[in-house]
Amino acid sequence: MKISTKGTYAIEIVADLAIHSDEMHLESLKNIAARRHFSEKYLERIIKALKEGGIVRSVRGAHGGYSLARQAKEMTITEVLNAVEGELAPVACLTEKTECGIDCDTCPTRDTWGAMWKEILSVTDSVTIADIVGYRTKL
């Protein structure tokens, strides 16, 4: 499993929104891009996936912008990554039916992949955006 730039940027965007926005104060993509030194054009594609995934909300208009759809303490890294990357299992057969030619019940490597995936999820499911923001503010 490799998390792409899209996934790492998504975490950065959501953390930035946790710090710089709330229900009363929306944040622009331009400001996020400037603070994070990211391409605003690239962030537009990522924010669209985050919105479709229920991670962020947007308001259009002169006073529009973005904020988190839920509180940062209620949002896990798994949710954010799944919204932009899709399922991140190390092999497809852990989450869907595949036609690799090997019976899943007798596959010699499936248990190893499953154990790896379980460990990854134990971390990403337990770390929230609030945890990341809290760690950042302690530095």
N, C-alpha and C. Protein backbone atom coordinates (compact mmCIF):
# COMPACT_ATOMS: atom_id res chain seq x y z
N MET A 1 0.84 -1.17 0.00
CA MET A 1 0.00 0.00 0.00
C MET A 1 0.89 1.24 0.00
N LYS A 2 0.62 2.09 -0.95
CA LYS A 2 1.33 3.36 -0.99
C LYS A 2 0.30 4.48 -1.07
N ILE A 3 0.43 5.43 -0.19
CA ILE A 3 -0.48 6.58 -0.21
C ILE A 3 0.10 7.61 -1.17
N SER A 4 -0.73 8.05 -2.10
CA SER A 4 -0.28 8.99 -3.12
C SER A 4 -0.20 10.41 -2.57
N THR A 5 0.31 11.29 -3.39
CA THR A 5 0.35 12.72 -3.05
C THR A 5 -1.06 13.22 -2.76
N LYS A 6 -2.03 12.72 -3.51
CA LYS A 6 -3.42 13.13 -3.29
C LYS A 6 -3.85 12.81 -1.86
N GLY A 7 -3.46 11.64 -1.36
CA GLY A 7 -3.81 11.26 0.01
C GLY A 7 -3.12 12.11 1.06
N THR A 8 -1.84 12.38 0.85
CA THR A 8 -1.12 13.20 1.84
C THR A 8 -1.62 14.64 1.81
N TYR A 9 -1.92 15.15 0.62
CA TYR A 9 -2.46 16.51 0.53
C TYR A 9 -3.85 16.58 1.17
N ALA A 10 -4.65 15.53 1.01
CA ALA A 10 -5.99 15.52 1.61
C ALA A 10 -5.90 15.64 3.13
N ILE A 11 -4.97 14.91 3.72
CA ILE A 11 -4.78 15.01 5.18
C ILE A 11 -4.37 16.43 5.55
N GLU A 12 -3.47 17.02 4.77
CA GLU A 12 -3.03 18.40 5.02
C GLU A 12 -4.19 19.39 4.91
N ILE A 13 -5.02 19.23 3.89
CA ILE A 13 -6.17 20.13 3.69
C ILE A 13 -7.12 20.03 4.89
N VAL A 14 -7.43 18.82 5.29
CA VAL A 14 -8.38 18.62 6.39
C VAL A 14 -7.80 19.15 7.70
N ALA A 15 -6.52 18.92 7.93
CA ALA A 15 -5.88 19.47 9.14
C ALA A 15 -5.90 20.99 9.10
N ASP A 16 -5.64 21.57 7.95
CA ASP A 16 -5.66 23.03 7.81
C ASP A 16 -7.06 23.57 8.10
N LEU A 17 -8.08 22.91 7.58
CA LEU A 17 -9.45 23.35 7.85
C LEU A 17 -9.80 23.21 9.33
N ALA A 18 -9.27 22.19 9.98
CA ALA A 18 -9.52 22.02 11.42
C ALA A 18 -8.95 23.19 12.21
N ILE A 19 -7.84 23.72 11.74
CA ILE A 19 -7.18 24.83 12.42
C ILE A 19 -7.81 26.18 12.06
N HIS A 20 -8.12 26.38 10.79
CA HIS A 20 -8.46 27.71 10.28
C HIS A 20 -9.92 27.94 9.93
N SER A 21 -10.81 26.98 10.20
CA SER A 21 -12.22 27.19 9.88
C SER A 21 -13.11 26.60 10.96
N ASP A 22 -14.36 27.00 10.92
CA ASP A 22 -15.40 26.40 11.76
C ASP A 22 -16.73 26.71 11.09
N GLU A 23 -17.83 26.43 11.76
CA GLU A 23 -19.15 26.65 11.15
C GLU A 23 -19.39 28.11 10.79
N MET A 24 -18.81 29.02 11.53
CA MET A 24 -19.02 30.46 11.30
C MET A 24 -17.95 31.07 10.39
N HIS A 25 -16.80 30.44 10.27
CA HIS A 25 -15.71 30.97 9.46
C HIS A 25 -15.28 29.93 8.45
N LEU A 26 -15.56 30.19 7.18
CA LEU A 26 -15.17 29.28 6.12
C LEU A 26 -13.80 29.71 5.59
N GLU A 27 -13.09 28.77 5.03
CA GLU A 27 -11.74 29.05 4.53
C GLU A 27 -11.69 28.83 3.02
N SER A 28 -10.91 29.66 2.34
CA SER A 28 -10.78 29.53 0.89
C SER A 28 -9.67 28.56 0.53
N LEU A 29 -9.80 27.97 -0.64
CA LEU A 29 -8.76 27.08 -1.15
C LEU A 29 -7.49 27.87 -1.43
N LYS A 30 -7.65 29.10 -1.83
CA LYS A 30 -6.50 29.97 -2.09
C LYS A 30 -5.64 30.12 -0.84
N ASN A 31 -6.27 30.35 0.30
CA ASN A 31 -5.53 30.50 1.56
C ASN A 31 -4.85 29.20 1.98
N ILE A 32 -5.57 28.08 1.81
CA ILE A 32 -4.97 26.78 2.15
C ILE A 32 -3.76 26.53 1.28
N ALA A 33 -3.91 26.76 -0.02
CA ALA A 33 -2.81 26.54 -0.96
C ALA A 33 -1.60 27.41 -0.61
N ALA A 34 -1.84 28.64 -0.23
CA ALA A 34 -0.75 29.56 0.12
C ALA A 34 -0.04 29.09 1.39
N ARG A 35 -0.80 28.70 2.41
CA ARG A 35 -0.19 28.25 3.66
C ARG A 35 0.61 26.97 3.48
N ARG A 36 0.10 26.06 2.67
CA ARG A 36 0.71 24.74 2.51
C ARG A 36 1.68 24.68 1.33
N HIS A 37 1.76 25.75 0.56
CA HIS A 37 2.63 25.79 -0.63
C HIS A 37 2.26 24.70 -1.63
N PHE A 38 0.93 24.56 -1.85
CA PHE A 38 0.40 23.59 -2.80
C PHE A 38 -0.22 24.32 -3.97
N SER A 39 -0.35 23.64 -5.08
CA SER A 39 -1.04 24.18 -6.26
C SER A 39 -2.54 24.25 -5.98
N GLU A 40 -3.12 25.43 -6.12
CA GLU A 40 -4.54 25.59 -5.89
C GLU A 40 -5.35 24.74 -6.88
N LYS A 41 -4.88 24.64 -8.09
CA LYS A 41 -5.55 23.84 -9.12
C LYS A 41 -5.63 22.37 -8.70
N TYR A 42 -4.54 21.84 -8.16
CA TYR A 42 -4.52 20.45 -7.71
C TYR A 42 -5.45 20.27 -6.51
N LEU A 43 -5.47 21.24 -5.61
CA LEU A 43 -6.33 21.14 -4.43
C LEU A 43 -7.81 21.12 -4.81
N GLU A 44 -8.17 21.76 -5.91
CA GLU A 44 -9.56 21.77 -6.36
C GLU A 44 -10.07 20.36 -6.60
N ARG A 45 -9.24 19.51 -7.20
CA ARG A 45 -9.64 18.12 -7.45
C ARG A 45 -9.76 17.33 -6.15
N ILE A 46 -8.84 17.59 -5.23
CA ILE A 46 -8.86 16.86 -3.96
C ILE A 46 -10.05 17.29 -3.11
N ILE A 47 -10.32 18.58 -3.06
CA ILE A 47 -11.42 19.08 -2.24
C ILE A 47 -12.76 18.57 -2.76
N LYS A 48 -12.85 18.38 -4.07
CA LYS A 48 -14.08 17.82 -4.65
C LYS A 48 -14.32 16.41 -4.11
N ALA A 49 -13.28 15.58 -4.09
CA ALA A 49 -13.40 14.22 -3.56
C ALA A 49 -13.72 14.24 -2.06
N LEU A 50 -13.11 15.17 -1.32
CA LEU A 50 -13.39 15.29 0.11
C LEU A 50 -14.84 15.70 0.35
N LYS A 51 -15.35 16.56 -0.49
CA LYS A 51 -16.74 17.00 -0.36
C LYS A 51 -17.68 15.83 -0.67
N GLU A 52 -17.41 15.11 -1.75
CA GLU A 52 -18.23 13.96 -2.12
C GLU A 52 -18.16 12.87 -1.06
N GLY A 53 -17.04 12.77 -0.36
CA GLY A 53 -16.87 11.78 0.69
C GLY A 53 -17.43 12.19 2.04
N GLY A 54 -18.03 13.38 2.11
CA GLY A 54 -18.63 13.84 3.35
C GLY A 54 -17.63 14.32 4.39
N ILE A 55 -16.43 14.64 3.94
CA ILE A 55 -15.38 15.10 4.85
C ILE A 55 -15.43 16.61 5.04
N VAL A 56 -15.67 17.34 3.96
CA VAL A 56 -15.76 18.80 4.04
C VAL A 56 -17.11 19.26 3.50
N ARG A 57 -17.48 20.45 3.88
CA ARG A 57 -18.68 21.08 3.33
C ARG A 57 -18.24 22.36 2.66
N SER A 58 -19.02 22.82 1.70
CA SER A 58 -18.69 24.06 1.02
C SER A 58 -19.91 24.95 0.93
N VAL A 59 -19.64 26.24 0.88
CA VAL A 59 -20.67 27.25 0.69
C VAL A 59 -20.20 28.14 -0.44
N ARG A 60 -21.07 28.35 -1.40
CA ARG A 60 -20.73 29.19 -2.54
C ARG A 60 -21.04 30.65 -2.23
N GLY A 61 -20.42 31.54 -2.99
CA GLY A 61 -20.74 32.96 -2.87
C GLY A 61 -19.60 33.78 -2.33
N ALA A 62 -19.88 35.07 -2.17
CA ALA A 62 -18.87 36.04 -1.75
C ALA A 62 -18.27 35.68 -0.39
N HIS A 63 -19.05 35.14 0.49
CA HIS A 63 -18.56 34.77 1.82
C HIS A 63 -18.45 33.25 1.96
N GLY A 64 -18.29 32.59 0.83
CA GLY A 64 -18.23 31.14 0.82
C GLY A 64 -16.84 30.60 1.13
N GLY A 65 -16.74 29.30 1.09
CA GLY A 65 -15.49 28.63 1.36
C GLY A 65 -15.75 27.24 1.88
N TYR A 66 -14.79 26.71 2.61
CA TYR A 66 -14.84 25.32 3.08
C TYR A 66 -14.65 25.24 4.59
N SER A 67 -15.24 24.19 5.15
CA SER A 67 -15.00 23.83 6.55
C SER A 67 -15.20 22.32 6.66
N LEU A 68 -14.87 21.77 7.80
CA LEU A 68 -15.08 20.34 8.01
C LEU A 68 -16.58 20.06 8.11
N ALA A 69 -16.99 18.93 7.60
CA ALA A 69 -18.40 18.53 7.67
C ALA A 69 -18.78 18.05 9.07
N ARG A 70 -17.78 17.58 9.82
CA ARG A 70 -17.97 17.12 11.20
C ARG A 70 -16.80 17.63 12.03
N GLN A 71 -16.88 17.44 13.32
CA GLN A 71 -15.79 17.85 14.19
C GLN A 71 -14.54 17.01 13.90
N ALA A 72 -13.39 17.63 14.05
CA ALA A 72 -12.11 16.96 13.78
C ALA A 72 -11.92 15.72 14.66
N LYS A 73 -12.46 15.73 15.86
CA LYS A 73 -12.31 14.57 16.75
C LYS A 73 -13.16 13.39 16.31
N GLU A 74 -14.08 13.61 15.37
CA GLU A 74 -14.96 12.55 14.87
C GLU A 74 -14.50 12.00 13.52
N MET A 75 -13.38 12.49 13.00
CA MET A 75 -12.94 12.15 11.66
C MET A 75 -11.59 11.43 11.70
N THR A 76 -11.56 10.21 11.18
CA THR A 76 -10.32 9.44 11.21
C THR A 76 -9.52 9.58 9.92
N ILE A 77 -8.26 9.23 10.02
CA ILE A 77 -7.38 9.22 8.85
C ILE A 77 -7.92 8.25 7.80
N THR A 78 -8.45 7.11 8.23
CA THR A 78 -9.02 6.15 7.28
C THR A 78 -10.10 6.80 6.43
N GLU A 79 -11.00 7.54 7.05
CA GLU A 79 -12.10 8.19 6.31
C GLU A 79 -11.57 9.16 5.27
N VAL A 80 -10.60 9.96 5.66
CA VAL A 80 -10.05 10.96 4.74
C VAL A 80 -9.36 10.27 3.56
N LEU A 81 -8.53 9.28 3.86
CA LEU A 81 -7.82 8.59 2.79
C LEU A 81 -8.78 7.83 1.87
N ASN A 82 -9.79 7.18 2.43
CA ASN A 82 -10.75 6.47 1.59
C ASN A 82 -11.51 7.42 0.67
N ALA A 83 -11.77 8.63 1.13
CA ALA A 83 -12.49 9.60 0.30
C ALA A 83 -11.72 9.98 -0.96
N VAL A 84 -10.41 10.04 -0.87
CA VAL A 84 -9.61 10.48 -2.02
C VAL A 84 -8.87 9.36 -2.73
N GLU A 85 -8.54 8.30 -2.01
CA GLU A 85 -7.75 7.22 -2.59
C GLU A 85 -8.58 5.99 -2.92
N GLY A 86 -9.76 5.87 -2.30
CA GLY A 86 -10.50 4.63 -2.40
C GLY A 86 -9.97 3.67 -1.36
N GLU A 87 -10.37 2.43 -1.46
CA GLU A 87 -9.93 1.42 -0.49
C GLU A 87 -8.42 1.22 -0.60
N LEU A 88 -7.74 1.18 0.52
CA LEU A 88 -6.28 1.12 0.53
C LEU A 88 -5.71 -0.24 0.95
N ALA A 89 -6.49 -1.28 0.80
CA ALA A 89 -6.00 -2.62 1.17
C ALA A 89 -4.77 -2.96 0.34
N PRO A 90 -3.80 -3.66 0.93
CA PRO A 90 -2.57 -3.98 0.20
C PRO A 90 -2.80 -4.89 -1.01
N VAL A 91 -3.84 -5.72 -0.98
CA VAL A 91 -4.22 -6.53 -2.13
C VAL A 91 -5.74 -6.49 -2.27
N ALA A 92 -6.21 -6.52 -3.49
CA ALA A 92 -7.64 -6.35 -3.76
C ALA A 92 -8.52 -7.43 -3.14
N CYS A 93 -8.00 -8.65 -3.04
CA CYS A 93 -8.84 -9.76 -2.55
C CYS A 93 -9.26 -9.62 -1.09
N LEU A 94 -8.70 -8.67 -0.38
CA LEU A 94 -9.11 -8.45 1.01
C LEU A 94 -10.43 -7.69 1.11
N THR A 95 -10.78 -6.96 0.05
CA THR A 95 -11.99 -6.13 0.10
C THR A 95 -12.99 -6.43 -1.01
N GLU A 96 -12.60 -7.23 -1.98
CA GLU A 96 -13.51 -7.52 -3.09
C GLU A 96 -13.20 -8.89 -3.68
N LYS A 97 -14.15 -9.41 -4.45
CA LYS A 97 -13.97 -10.69 -5.13
C LYS A 97 -13.01 -10.48 -6.29
N THR A 98 -11.98 -11.33 -6.35
CA THR A 98 -11.00 -11.23 -7.43
C THR A 98 -10.89 -12.56 -8.15
N GLU A 99 -10.33 -12.52 -9.31
CA GLU A 99 -10.16 -13.71 -10.14
C GLU A 99 -8.67 -13.96 -10.37
N CYS A 100 -7.94 -14.16 -9.30
CA CYS A 100 -6.49 -14.37 -9.43
C CYS A 100 -6.14 -15.81 -9.77
N GLY A 101 -7.12 -16.71 -9.65
CA GLY A 101 -6.86 -18.11 -9.94
C GLY A 101 -6.54 -18.95 -8.72
N ILE A 102 -6.41 -18.33 -7.57
CA ILE A 102 -6.13 -19.06 -6.33
C ILE A 102 -7.36 -18.96 -5.43
N ASP A 103 -7.76 -20.08 -4.89
CA ASP A 103 -8.88 -20.11 -3.95
C ASP A 103 -8.45 -19.35 -2.69
N CYS A 104 -9.25 -18.36 -2.29
CA CYS A 104 -8.91 -17.53 -1.12
C CYS A 104 -8.70 -18.37 0.14
N ASP A 105 -9.44 -19.47 0.28
CA ASP A 105 -9.31 -20.31 1.47
C ASP A 105 -7.99 -21.06 1.54
N THR A 106 -7.34 -21.22 0.39
CA THR A 106 -6.06 -21.95 0.38
C THR A 106 -4.88 -21.07 -0.03
N CYS A 107 -5.11 -19.80 -0.23
CA CYS A 107 -4.04 -18.89 -0.64
C CYS A 107 -2.98 -18.80 0.47
N PRO A 108 -1.72 -19.06 0.13
CA PRO A 108 -0.68 -19.06 1.17
C PRO A 108 -0.30 -17.67 1.68
N THR A 109 -0.64 -16.62 0.94
CA THR A 109 -0.22 -15.27 1.36
C THR A 109 -1.36 -14.41 1.89
N ARG A 110 -2.59 -14.83 1.70
CA ARG A 110 -3.74 -13.98 2.07
C ARG A 110 -3.76 -13.64 3.56
N ASP A 111 -3.43 -14.59 4.42
CA ASP A 111 -3.42 -14.31 5.86
C ASP A 111 -2.38 -13.25 6.22
N THR A 112 -1.24 -13.28 5.55
CA THR A 112 -0.20 -12.28 5.80
C THR A 112 -0.68 -10.91 5.38
N TRP A 113 -1.26 -10.83 4.16
CA TRP A 113 -1.80 -9.55 3.70
C TRP A 113 -2.90 -9.05 4.64
N GLY A 114 -3.74 -9.97 5.08
CA GLY A 114 -4.82 -9.59 5.99
C GLY A 114 -4.30 -9.07 7.32
N ALA A 115 -3.25 -9.69 7.84
CA ALA A 115 -2.65 -9.23 9.11
C ALA A 115 -2.04 -7.84 8.93
N MET A 116 -1.38 -7.62 7.80
CA MET A 116 -0.81 -6.30 7.52
C MET A 116 -1.92 -5.25 7.45
N TRP A 117 -2.99 -5.56 6.75
CA TRP A 117 -4.10 -4.64 6.58
C TRP A 117 -4.75 -4.32 7.92
N LYS A 118 -4.88 -5.34 8.77
CA LYS A 118 -5.46 -5.14 10.10
C LYS A 118 -4.61 -4.17 10.92
N GLU A 119 -3.30 -4.29 10.85
CA GLU A 119 -2.40 -3.39 11.57
C GLU A 119 -2.50 -1.96 11.05
N ILE A 120 -2.55 -1.82 9.74
CA ILE A 120 -2.67 -0.49 9.13
C ILE A 120 -3.96 0.17 9.60
N LEU A 121 -5.07 -0.57 9.53
CA LEU A 121 -6.36 -0.02 9.96
C LEU A 121 -6.39 0.29 11.45
N SER A 122 -5.68 -0.49 12.26
CA SER A 122 -5.68 -0.21 13.70
C SER A 122 -5.08 1.17 13.98
N VAL A 123 -4.14 1.59 13.15
CA VAL A 123 -3.55 2.92 13.31
C VAL A 123 -4.44 3.98 12.68
N THR A 124 -4.79 3.80 11.41
CA THR A 124 -5.53 4.86 10.72
C THR A 124 -6.94 5.05 11.27
N ASP A 125 -7.54 3.99 11.82
CA ASP A 125 -8.86 4.13 12.45
C ASP A 125 -8.79 4.80 13.82
N SER A 126 -7.63 4.77 14.45
CA SER A 126 -7.52 5.32 15.80
C SER A 126 -6.97 6.75 15.83
N VAL A 127 -6.44 7.23 14.72
CA VAL A 127 -5.90 8.59 14.68
C VAL A 127 -6.93 9.50 14.02
N THR A 128 -7.31 10.55 14.75
CA THR A 128 -8.28 11.51 14.22
C THR A 128 -7.55 12.76 13.72
N ILE A 129 -8.30 13.57 13.02
CA ILE A 129 -7.74 14.85 12.57
C ILE A 129 -7.42 15.72 13.79
N ALA A 130 -8.22 15.63 14.83
CA ALA A 130 -7.93 16.37 16.06
C ALA A 130 -6.60 15.93 16.66
N ASP A 131 -6.31 14.64 16.60
CA ASP A 131 -5.03 14.14 17.08
C ASP A 131 -3.88 14.77 16.31
N ILE A 132 -4.01 14.83 15.01
CA ILE A 132 -2.95 15.40 14.17
C ILE A 132 -2.78 16.88 14.48
N VAL A 133 -3.86 17.61 14.56
CA VAL A 133 -3.79 19.03 14.86
C VAL A 133 -3.24 19.27 16.25
N GLY A 134 -3.64 18.44 17.20
CA GLY A 134 -3.13 18.56 18.57
C GLY A 134 -1.64 18.30 18.64
N TYR A 135 -1.18 17.33 17.89
CA TYR A 135 0.26 17.04 17.85
C TYR A 135 1.02 18.20 17.26
N ARG A 136 0.48 18.77 16.18
CA ARG A 136 1.12 19.90 15.51
C ARG A 136 1.25 21.10 16.45
N THR A 137 0.22 21.35 17.22
CA THR A 137 0.25 22.54 18.10
C THR A 137 1.18 22.36 19.28
N LYS A 138 1.59 21.13 19.58
CA LYS A 138 2.51 20.87 20.68
C LYS A 138 3.96 21.08 20.27
N LEU A 139 4.22 21.15 18.96
CA LEU A 139 5.60 21.30 18.48
C LEU A 139 6.14 22.68 18.75
